[in-house]
PDB file of N, CA and C in Angstrom:
ATOM      1  N   MET A   1     156.475  81.211  74.434  1.00  0.00           N
ATOM      2  CA  MET A   1     155.756  82.414  74.905  1.00  0.00           C
ATOM      3  C   MET A   1     154.783  82.894  73.898  1.00  0.00           C
ATOM      4  N   LEU A   2     155.233  82.945  72.601  1.00  0.00           N
ATOM      5  CA  LEU A   2     154.344  83.416  71.534  1.00  0.00           C
ATOM      6  C   LEU A   2     153.110  82.578  71.424  1.00  0.00           C
ATOM      7  N   ARG A   3     153.261  81.309  71.540  1.00  0.00           N
ATOM      8  CA  ARG A   3     152.068  80.454  71.457  1.00  0.00           C
ATOM      9  C   ARG A   3     151.090  80.695  72.552  1.00  0.00           C
ATOM     10  N   ARG A   4     151.593  81.028  73.743  1.00  0.00           N
ATOM     11  CA  ARG A   4     150.710  81.273  74.821  1.00  0.00           C
ATOM     12  C   ARG A   4     149.862  82.634  74.700  1.00  0.00           C
ATOM     13  N   LEU A   5     150.401  83.456  73.842  1.00  0.00           N
ATOM     14  CA  LEU A   5     149.741  84.778  73.548  1.00  0.00           C
ATOM     15  C   LEU A   5     148.454  84.510  72.653  1.00  0.00           C
ATOM     16  N   GLU A   6     148.443  83.426  72.084  1.00  0.00           N
ATOM     17  CA  GLU A   6     147.307  83.026  71.162  1.00  0.00           C
ATOM     18  C   GLU A   6     147.083  84.115  70.121  1.00  0.00           C
ATOM     19  N   LEU A   7     148.113  84.504  69.489  1.00  0.00           N
ATOM     20  CA  LEU A   7     148.094  85.546  68.410  1.00  0.00           C
ATOM     21  C   LEU A   7     147.458  84.948  67.169  1.00  0.00           C
ATOM     22  N   PRO A   8     146.825  85.745  66.348  1.00  0.00           N
ATOM     23  CA  PRO A   8     146.205  85.276  65.106  1.00  0.00           C
ATOM     24  C   PRO A   8     147.311  85.043  64.079  1.00  0.00           C
ATOM     25  N   ALA A   9     148.111  84.057  64.368  1.00  0.00           N
ATOM     26  CA  ALA A   9     149.287  83.688  63.450  1.00  0.00           C
ATOM     27  C   ALA A   9     149.127  82.338  62.862  1.00  0.00           C
ATOM     28  N   ASP A  10     149.439  82.258  61.656  1.00  0.00           N
ATOM     29  CA  ASP A  10     149.400  80.948  60.976  1.00  0.00           C
ATOM     30  C   ASP A  10     150.456  79.896  61.378  1.00  0.00           C
ATOM     31  N   VAL A  11     151.692  80.530  61.621  1.00  0.00           N
ATOM     32  CA  VAL A  11     152.802  79.655  62.009  1.00  0.00           C
ATOM     33  C   VAL A  11     153.715  80.436  63.036  1.00  0.00           C
ATOM     34  N   ILE A  12     154.097  79.727  64.100  1.00  0.00           N
ATOM     35  CA  ILE A  12     155.076  80.202  65.039  1.00  0.00           C
ATOM     36  C   ILE A  12     156.128  79.165  65.085  1.00  0.00           C
ATOM     37  N   ALA A  13     157.388  79.399  64.822  1.00  0.00           N
ATOM     38  CA  ALA A  13     158.460  78.420  64.792  1.00  0.00           C
ATOM     39  C   ALA A  13     159.719  79.026  65.198  1.00  0.00           C
ATOM     40  N   THR A  14     160.777  78.216  65.559  1.00  0.00           N
ATOM     41  CA  THR A  14     162.077  78.649  65.853  1.00  0.00           C
ATOM     42  C   THR A  14     163.081  77.818  65.078  1.00  0.00           C
ATOM     43  N   SER A  15     164.257  78.436  64.895  1.00  0.00           N
ATOM     44  CA  SER A  15     165.319  77.750  64.198  1.00  0.00           C
ATOM     45  C   SER A  15     165.652  76.442  64.832  1.00  0.00           C
ATOM     46  N   GLY A  16     165.661  76.420  66.180  1.00  0.00           N
ATOM     47  CA  GLY A  16     165.989  75.244  66.917  1.00  0.00           C
ATOM     48  C   GLY A  16     165.044  74.079  66.628  1.00  0.00           C
ATOM     49  N   GLU A  17     163.709  74.446  66.474  1.00  0.00           N
ATOM     50  CA  GLU A  17     162.720  73.355  66.137  1.00  0.00           C
ATOM     51  C   GLU A  17     162.962  72.814  64.774  1.00  0.00           C
ATOM     52  N   TRP A  18     163.485  73.529  63.848  1.00  0.00           N
ATOM     53  CA  TRP A  18     163.642  73.137  62.480  1.00  0.00           C
ATOM     54  C   TRP A  18     165.066  72.568  62.240  1.00  0.00           C
ATOM     55  N   GLY A  19     165.982  72.865  63.074  1.00  0.00           N
ATOM     56  CA  GLY A  19     167.319  72.372  62.873  1.00  0.00           C
ATOM     57  C   GLY A  19     168.077  73.121  61.801  1.00  0.00           C
ATOM     58  N   VAL A  20     167.734  74.396  61.594  1.00  0.00           N
ATOM     59  CA  VAL A  20     168.415  75.280  60.583  1.00  0.00           C
ATOM     60  C   VAL A  20     168.888  76.525  61.262  1.00  0.00           C
ATOM     61  N   ALA A  21     169.994  77.009  60.909  1.00  0.00           N
ATOM     62  CA  ALA A  21     170.512  78.196  61.667  1.00  0.00           C
ATOM     63  C   ALA A  21     170.298  79.506  60.981  1.00  0.00           C
ATOM     64  N   LYS A  22     169.970  80.425  61.808  1.00  0.00           N
ATOM     65  CA  LYS A  22     169.862  81.827  61.260  1.00  0.00           C
ATOM     66  C   LYS A  22     171.344  82.366  61.310  1.00  0.00           C
ATOM     67  N   PRO A  23     171.623  83.247  60.435  1.00  0.00           N
ATOM     68  CA  PRO A  23     170.909  83.967  59.524  1.00  0.00           C
ATOM     69  C   PRO A  23     170.934  83.312  58.117  1.00  0.00           C
ATOM     70  N   GLY A  24     171.259  82.046  58.070  1.00  0.00           N
ATOM     71  CA  GLY A  24     171.306  81.346  56.788  1.00  0.00           C
ATOM     72  C   GLY A  24     169.904  81.489  56.053  1.00  0.00           C
ATOM     73  N   SER A  25     170.015  81.607  54.682  1.00  0.00           N
ATOM     74  CA  SER A  25     168.848  81.745  53.857  1.00  0.00           C
ATOM     75  C   SER A  25     167.904  80.635  54.025  1.00  0.00           C
ATOM     76  N   ARG A  26     168.485  79.391  54.293  1.00  0.00           N
ATOM     77  CA  ARG A  26     167.630  78.224  54.410  1.00  0.00           C
ATOM     78  C   ARG A  26     166.502  78.371  55.444  1.00  0.00           C
ATOM     79  N   PHE A  27     166.913  79.019  56.527  1.00  0.00           N
ATOM     80  CA  PHE A  27     165.851  79.304  57.656  1.00  0.00           C
ATOM     81  C   PHE A  27     164.683  80.116  57.048  1.00  0.00           C
ATOM     82  N   PHE A  28     164.974  81.179  56.326  1.00  0.00           N
ATOM     83  CA  PHE A  28     163.951  82.044  55.811  1.00  0.00           C
ATOM     84  C   PHE A  28     163.221  81.389  54.662  1.00  0.00           C
ATOM     85  N   GLU A  29     163.857  80.572  53.911  1.00  0.00           N
ATOM     86  CA  GLU A  29     163.237  79.735  52.849  1.00  0.00           C
ATOM     87  C   GLU A  29     162.171  78.826  53.611  1.00  0.00           C
ATOM     88  N   ARG A  30     162.571  78.336  54.656  1.00  0.00           N
ATOM     89  CA  ARG A  30     161.759  77.283  55.422  1.00  0.00           C
ATOM     90  C   ARG A  30     160.533  78.060  55.888  1.00  0.00           C
ATOM     91  N   VAL A  31     160.781  79.331  56.421  1.00  0.00           N
ATOM     92  CA  VAL A  31     159.694  80.163  56.961  1.00  0.00           C
ATOM     93  C   VAL A  31     158.617  80.201  55.855  1.00  0.00           C
ATOM     94  N   LEU A  32     159.018  80.537  54.662  1.00  0.00           N
ATOM     95  CA  LEU A  32     158.047  80.804  53.618  1.00  0.00           C
ATOM     96  C   LEU A  32     157.433  79.404  53.092  1.00  0.00           C
ATOM     97  N   GLU A  33     158.144  78.374  53.187  1.00  0.00           N
ATOM     98  CA  GLU A  33     157.557  77.042  52.853  1.00  0.00           C
ATOM     99  C   GLU A  33     156.447  76.687  53.822  1.00  0.00           C
ATOM    100  N   VAL A  34     156.667  76.806  55.083  1.00  0.00           N
ATOM    101  CA  VAL A  34     155.649  76.522  56.118  1.00  0.00           C
ATOM    102  C   VAL A  34     154.476  77.481  56.101  1.00  0.00           C
ATOM    103  N   ALA A  35     154.803  78.795  55.893  1.00  0.00           N
ATOM    104  CA  ALA A  35     153.781  79.815  55.916  1.00  0.00           C
ATOM    105  C   ALA A  35     152.853  79.607  54.731  1.00  0.00           C
ATOM    106  N   GLN A  36     153.354  79.120  53.557  1.00  0.00           N
ATOM    107  CA  GLN A  36     152.548  78.954  52.386  1.00  0.00           C
ATOM    108  C   GLN A  36     151.940  80.290  51.976  1.00  0.00           C
ATOM    109  N   ALA A  37     152.738  81.321  52.167  1.00  0.00           N
ATOM    110  CA  ALA A  37     152.360  82.685  51.805  1.00  0.00           C
ATOM    111  C   ALA A  37     153.531  83.353  51.129  1.00  0.00           C
ATOM    112  N   PRO A  38     153.147  84.396  50.346  1.00  0.00           N
ATOM    113  CA  PRO A  38     154.231  85.178  49.698  1.00  0.00           C
ATOM    114  C   PRO A  38     155.077  85.970  50.700  1.00  0.00           C
ATOM    115  N   ALA A  39     156.293  86.175  50.443  1.00  0.00           N
ATOM    116  CA  ALA A  39     157.219  86.870  51.419  1.00  0.00           C
ATOM    117  C   ALA A  39     156.644  88.234  51.892  1.00  0.00           C
ATOM    118  N   GLU A  40     156.086  88.970  50.949  1.00  0.00           N
ATOM    119  CA  GLU A  40     155.495  90.228  51.213  1.00  0.00           C
ATOM    120  C   GLU A  40     154.346  90.196  52.221  1.00  0.00           C
ATOM    121  N   ARG A  41     153.747  89.022  52.378  1.00  0.00           N
ATOM    122  CA  ARG A  41     152.557  88.813  53.334  1.00  0.00           C
ATOM    123  C   ARG A  41     152.972  88.056  54.567  1.00  0.00           C
ATOM    124  N   THR A  42     154.279  87.946  54.769  1.00  0.00           N
ATOM    125  CA  THR A  42     154.695  87.167  55.880  1.00  0.00           C
ATOM    126  C   THR A  42     155.550  88.059  56.843  1.00  0.00           C
ATOM    127  N   LEU A  43     155.114  87.973  58.112  1.00  0.00           N
ATOM    128  CA  LEU A  43     155.740  88.872  59.213  1.00  0.00           C
ATOM    129  C   LEU A  43     156.712  88.114  59.966  1.00  0.00           C
ATOM    130  N   TYR A  44     157.899  88.513  60.037  1.00  0.00           N
ATOM    131  CA  TYR A  44     159.011  87.931  60.824  1.00  0.00           C
ATOM    132  C   TYR A  44     159.294  88.816  62.044  1.00  0.00           C
ATOM    133  N   VAL A  45     159.352  88.261  63.207  1.00  0.00           N
ATOM    134  CA  VAL A  45     159.699  89.035  64.442  1.00  0.00           C
ATOM    135  C   VAL A  45     160.969  88.612  65.065  1.00  0.00           C
ATOM    136  N   GLY A  46     161.949  89.512  65.235  1.00  0.00           N
ATOM    137  CA  GLY A  46     163.194  89.206  65.767  1.00  0.00           C
ATOM    138  C   GLY A  46     163.915  90.460  66.222  1.00  0.00           C
ATOM    139  N   GLU A  47     164.821  90.255  67.237  1.00  0.00           N
ATOM    140  CA  GLU A  47     165.481  91.373  67.841  1.00  0.00           C
ATOM    141  C   GLU A  47     166.830  91.685  67.317  1.00  0.00           C
ATOM    142  N   HIS A  48     167.531  90.711  66.765  1.00  0.00           N
ATOM    143  CA  HIS A  48     168.975  90.949  66.336  1.00  0.00           C
ATOM    144  C   HIS A  48     169.023  91.364  64.824  1.00  0.00           C
ATOM    145  N   PRO A  49     169.716  92.299  64.514  1.00  0.00           N
ATOM    146  CA  PRO A  49     169.817  92.787  63.062  1.00  0.00           C
ATOM    147  C   PRO A  49     170.491  91.730  62.209  1.00  0.00           C
ATOM    148  N   ALA A  50     171.602  91.159  62.634  1.00  0.00           N
ATOM    149  CA  ALA A  50     172.321  90.170  61.772  1.00  0.00           C
ATOM    150  C   ALA A  50     171.602  88.843  61.632  1.00  0.00           C
ATOM    151  N   ASN A  51     170.863  88.424  62.679  1.00  0.00           N
ATOM    152  CA  ASN A  51     170.279  87.086  62.702  1.00  0.00           C
ATOM    153  C   ASN A  51     168.776  87.158  62.265  1.00  0.00           C
ATOM    154  N   ASP A  52     168.146  88.335  62.448  1.00  0.00           N
ATOM    155  CA  ASP A  52     166.685  88.445  62.227  1.00  0.00           C
ATOM    156  C   ASP A  52     166.256  89.486  61.270  1.00  0.00           C
ATOM    157  N   VAL A  53     166.421  90.717  61.644  1.00  0.00           N
ATOM    158  CA  VAL A  53     165.800  91.786  60.755  1.00  0.00           C
ATOM    159  C   VAL A  53     166.425  91.858  59.368  1.00  0.00           C
ATOM    160  N   LEU A  54     167.666  91.923  59.328  1.00  0.00           N
ATOM    161  CA  LEU A  54     168.266  92.142  57.959  1.00  0.00           C
ATOM    162  C   LEU A  54     168.140  90.950  57.015  1.00  0.00           C
ATOM    163  N   PRO A  55     168.322  89.704  57.515  1.00  0.00           N
ATOM    164  CA  PRO A  55     168.102  88.551  56.591  1.00  0.00           C
ATOM    165  C   PRO A  55     166.621  88.416  56.325  1.00  0.00           C
ATOM    166  N   ALA A  56     165.750  88.699  57.182  1.00  0.00           N
ATOM    167  CA  ALA A  56     164.343  88.570  56.909  1.00  0.00           C
ATOM    168  C   ALA A  56     163.934  89.533  55.772  1.00  0.00           C
ATOM    169  N   LYS A  57     164.472  90.761  55.890  1.00  0.00           N
ATOM    170  CA  LYS A  57     164.169  91.700  54.808  1.00  0.00           C
ATOM    171  C   LYS A  57     164.854  91.285  53.561  1.00  0.00           C
ATOM    172  N   ALA A  58     166.019  90.829  53.571  1.00  0.00           N
ATOM    173  CA  ALA A  58     166.717  90.344  52.361  1.00  0.00           C
ATOM    174  C   ALA A  58     165.832  89.198  51.700  1.00  0.00           C
ATOM    175  N   ALA A  59     165.204  88.377  52.431  1.00  0.00           N
ATOM    176  CA  ALA A  59     164.354  87.330  51.915  1.00  0.00           C
ATOM    177  C   ALA A  59     163.006  87.844  51.452  1.00  0.00           C
ATOM    178  N   GLY A  60     162.766  89.188  51.664  1.00  0.00           N
ATOM    179  CA  GLY A  60     161.538  89.842  51.154  1.00  0.00           C
ATOM    180  C   GLY A  60     160.440  89.792  52.202  1.00  0.00           C
ATOM    181  N   LEU A  61     160.637  89.360  53.351  1.00  0.00           N
ATOM    182  CA  LEU A  61     159.558  89.312  54.414  1.00  0.00           C
ATOM    183  C   LEU A  61     159.451  90.694  55.094  1.00  0.00           C
ATOM    184  N   LYS A  62     158.226  90.936  55.672  1.00  0.00           N
ATOM    185  CA  LYS A  62     158.026  92.016  56.541  1.00  0.00           C
ATOM    186  C   LYS A  62     158.737  91.746  57.884  1.00  0.00           C
ATOM    187  N   ALA A  63     159.215  92.742  58.596  1.00  0.00           N
ATOM    188  CA  ALA A  63     159.899  92.506  59.788  1.00  0.00           C
ATOM    189  C   ALA A  63     159.402  93.476  60.927  1.00  0.00           C
ATOM    190  N   ALA A  64     159.277  92.885  62.093  1.00  0.00           N
ATOM    191  CA  ALA A  64     158.919  93.597  63.298  1.00  0.00           C
ATOM    192  C   ALA A  64     160.090  93.483  64.259  1.00  0.00           C
ATOM    193  N   HIS A  65     160.543  94.540  64.806  1.00  0.00           N
ATOM    194  CA  HIS A  65     161.621  94.511  65.720  1.00  0.00           C
ATOM    195  C   HIS A  65     161.128  94.830  67.115  1.00  0.00           C
ATOM    196  N   PRO A  66     161.084  93.818  68.028  1.00  0.00           N
ATOM    197  CA  PRO A  66     160.598  94.154  69.392  1.00  0.00           C
ATOM    198  C   PRO A  66     161.715  94.710  70.272  1.00  0.00           C
ATOM    199  N   ARG A  67     161.368  95.802  70.940  1.00  0.00           N
ATOM    200  CA  ARG A  67     162.256  96.382  71.925  1.00  0.00           C
ATOM    201  C   ARG A  67     162.005  95.634  73.214  1.00  0.00           C
ATOM    202  N   ARG A  68     162.549  94.477  73.342  1.00  0.00           N
ATOM    203  CA  ARG A  68     162.386  93.660  74.534  1.00  0.00           C
ATOM    204  C   ARG A  68     163.699  92.815  74.752  1.00  0.00           C
ATOM    205  N   GLY A  69     164.038  92.466  75.876  1.00  0.00           N
ATOM    206  CA  GLY A  69     165.163  91.623  76.060  1.00  0.00           C
ATOM    207  C   GLY A  69     166.450  92.357  75.703  1.00  0.00           C
ATOM    208  N   PRO A  70     167.593  91.783  76.012  1.00  0.00           N
ATOM    209  CA  PRO A  70     168.912  92.482  75.860  1.00  0.00           C
ATOM    210  C   PRO A  70     169.182  92.850  74.381  1.00  0.00           C
ATOM    211  N   TRP A  71     168.950  92.027  73.466  1.00  0.00           N
ATOM    212  CA  TRP A  71     169.159  92.306  72.045  1.00  0.00           C
ATOM    213  C   TRP A  71     168.153  93.403  71.552  1.00  0.00           C
ATOM    214  N   GLY A  72     167.003  93.243  71.867  1.00  0.00           N
ATOM    215  CA  GLY A  72     165.975  94.255  71.442  1.00  0.00           C
ATOM    216  C   GLY A  72     166.356  95.645  71.892  1.00  0.00           C
ATOM    217  N   TYR A  73     166.701  95.867  73.112  1.00  0.00           N
ATOM    218  CA  TYR A  73     167.067  97.180  73.610  1.00  0.00           C
ATOM    219  C   TYR A  73     168.436  97.608  73.000  1.00  0.00           C
ATOM    220  N   LEU A  74     169.328  96.718  72.919  1.00  0.00           N
ATOM    221  CA  LEU A  74     170.665  97.053  72.447  1.00  0.00           C
ATOM    222  C   LEU A  74     170.572  97.599  71.022  1.00  0.00           C
ATOM    223  N   TRP A  75     169.742  96.970  70.183  1.00  0.00           N
ATOM    224  CA  TRP A  75     169.716  97.369  68.735  1.00  0.00           C
ATOM    225  C   TRP A  75     168.582  98.362  68.425  1.00  0.00           C
ATOM    226  N   ALA A  76     167.799  98.757  69.432  1.00  0.00           N
ATOM    227  CA  ALA A  76     166.569  99.527  69.096  1.00  0.00           C
ATOM    228  C   ALA A  76     166.833 100.848  68.438  1.00  0.00           C
ATOM    229  N   THR A  77     168.094 101.498  68.672  1.00  0.00           N
ATOM    230  CA  THR A  77     168.305 102.690  68.009  1.00  0.00           C
ATOM    231  C   THR A  77     169.380 102.610  66.870  1.00  0.00           C
ATOM    232  N   ASP A  78     169.709 101.450  66.522  1.00  0.00           N
ATOM    233  CA  ASP A  78     170.622 101.194  65.378  1.00  0.00           C
ATOM    234  C   ASP A  78     170.004 101.619  64.124  1.00  0.00           C
ATOM    235  N   PRO A  79     170.786 102.472  63.347  1.00  0.00           N
ATOM    236  CA  PRO A  79     170.258 102.987  62.074  1.00  0.00           C
ATOM    237  C   PRO A  79     169.728 101.920  61.056  1.00  0.00           C
ATOM    238  N   ASP A  80     170.527 100.794  61.039  1.00  0.00           N
ATOM    239  CA  ASP A  80     170.226  99.696  60.074  1.00  0.00           C
ATOM    240  C   ASP A  80     168.959  99.090  60.447  1.00  0.00           C
ATOM    241  N   VAL A  81     168.679  98.804  61.737  1.00  0.00           N
ATOM    242  CA  VAL A  81     167.469  98.260  62.202  1.00  0.00           C
ATOM    243  C   VAL A  81     166.404  99.179  62.081  1.00  0.00           C
ATOM    244  N   ALA A  82     166.546 100.392  62.425  1.00  0.00           N
ATOM    245  CA  ALA A  82     165.535 101.421  62.253  1.00  0.00           C
ATOM    246  C   ALA A  82     165.072 101.538  60.850  1.00  0.00           C
ATOM    247  N   GLY A  83     165.964 101.466  59.891  1.00  0.00           N
ATOM    248  CA  GLY A  83     165.622 101.617  58.535  1.00  0.00           C
ATOM    249  C   GLY A  83     165.073 100.431  57.873  1.00  0.00           C
ATOM    250  N   ALA A  84     165.454  99.241  58.406  1.00  0.00           N
ATOM    251  CA  ALA A  84     165.008  98.048  57.782  1.00  0.00           C
ATOM    252  C   ALA A  84     163.671  97.467  58.321  1.00  0.00           C
ATOM    253  N   ALA A  85     163.399  97.601  59.562  1.00  0.00           N
ATOM    254  CA  ALA A  85     162.225  97.055  60.191  1.00  0.00           C
ATOM    255  C   ALA A  85     161.032  97.794  59.774  1.00  0.00           C
ATOM    256  N   ASP A  86     159.924  97.050  59.513  1.00  0.00           N
ATOM    257  CA  ASP A  86     158.630  97.674  59.101  1.00  0.00           C
ATOM    258  C   ASP A  86     157.921  98.231  60.281  1.00  0.00           C
ATOM    259  N   TRP A  87     158.149  97.540  61.447  1.00  0.00           N
ATOM    260  CA  TRP A  87     157.559  98.026  62.743  1.00  0.00           C
ATOM    261  C   TRP A  87     158.550  97.840  63.817  1.00  0.00           C
ATOM    262  N   HIS A  88     158.437  98.735  64.832  1.00  0.00           N
ATOM    263  CA  HIS A  88     159.194  98.659  65.972  1.00  0.00           C
ATOM    264  C   HIS A  88     158.145  98.626  67.086  1.00  0.00           C
ATOM    265  N   ILE A  89     158.177  97.492  67.940  1.00  0.00           N
ATOM    266  CA  ILE A  89     157.128  97.305  68.940  1.00  0.00           C
ATOM    267  C   ILE A  89     157.793  97.232  70.240  1.00  0.00           C
ATOM    268  N   ASP A  90     157.022  97.533  71.272  1.00  0.00           N
ATOM    269  CA  ASP A  90     157.491  97.432  72.637  1.00  0.00           C
ATOM    270  C   ASP A  90     157.041  96.181  73.364  1.00  0.00           C
ATOM    271  N   SER A  91     156.038  95.517  72.767  1.00  0.00           N
ATOM    272  CA  SER A  91     155.480  94.395  73.430  1.00  0.00           C
ATOM    273  C   SER A  91     154.963  93.437  72.288  1.00  0.00           C
ATOM    274  N   LEU A  92     155.094  92.098  72.525  1.00  0.00           N
ATOM    275  CA  LEU A  92     154.618  91.160  71.530  1.00  0.00           C
ATOM    276  C   LEU A  92     153.103  91.210  71.432  1.00  0.00           C
ATOM    277  N   THR A  93     152.433  91.865  72.351  1.00  0.00           N
ATOM    278  CA  THR A  93     150.880  91.884  72.217  1.00  0.00           C
ATOM    279  C   THR A  93     150.633  92.901  71.084  1.00  0.00           C
ATOM    280  N   GLU A  94     151.572  93.830  70.736  1.00  0.00           N
ATOM    281  CA  GLU A  94     151.324  94.826  69.618  1.00  0.00           C
ATOM    282  C   GLU A  94     151.221  94.062  68.307  1.00  0.00           C
ATOM    283  N   LEU A  95     151.631  92.810  68.175  1.00  0.00           N
ATOM    284  CA  LEU A  95     151.613  92.132  66.867  1.00  0.00           C
ATOM    285  C   LEU A  95     150.186  92.003  66.423  1.00  0.00           C
ATOM    286  N   VAL A  96     149.288  91.893  67.378  1.00  0.00           N
ATOM    287  CA  VAL A  96     147.882  91.740  67.026  1.00  0.00           C
ATOM    288  C   VAL A  96     147.386  92.904  66.223  1.00  0.00           C
ATOM    289  N   GLY A  97     147.863  94.096  66.559  1.00  0.00           N
ATOM    290  CA  GLY A  97     147.378  95.246  65.840  1.00  0.00           C
ATOM    291  C   GLY A  97     148.033  95.458  64.427  1.00  0.00           C
ATOM    292  N   ILE A  98     149.151  94.845  64.156  1.00  0.00           N
ATOM    293  CA  ILE A  98     149.837  94.992  62.901  1.00  0.00           C
ATOM    294  C   ILE A  98     149.546  93.814  61.969  1.00  0.00           C
ATOM    295  N   THR A  99     148.971  92.683  62.399  1.00  0.00           N
ATOM    296  CA  THR A  99     148.918  91.491  61.548  1.00  0.00           C
ATOM    297  C   THR A  99     147.936  91.691  60.334  1.00  0.00           C
ATOM    298  N   GLY A 100     147.031  92.656  60.438  1.00  0.00           N
ATOM    299  CA  GLY A 100     146.125  92.879  59.412  1.00  0.00           C
ATOM    300  C   GLY A 100     146.648  93.845  58.367  1.00  0.00           C
ATOM    301  N   ARG A 101     147.861  94.440  58.620  1.00  0.00           N
ATOM    302  CA  ARG A 101     148.300  95.565  57.732  1.00  0.00           C
ATOM    303  C   ARG A 101     149.183  94.916  56.612  1.00  0.00           C
TER     304      ARG A 101
END
């Protein structure tokens, strides 16, 4: 779905494509290897705090938490997610507006 949006992204990948499991640090190391960018200039998008937002932040990445799908809505008001995510978005199309920040 992300690829169909034609976002101005350098890399779009999933843990299944790479054969590494989240929230393991190897996944986030792989994100940075493929992105060839420093962690602070890399945006990670994910709905679940334990698998996405918190480990991405621990790896030094920027994080966007989308309020979509069951996990996104379930965790939208969680204080840990609210405090950790750099952005809270309602639609993946909002990523276009934050990619330059």
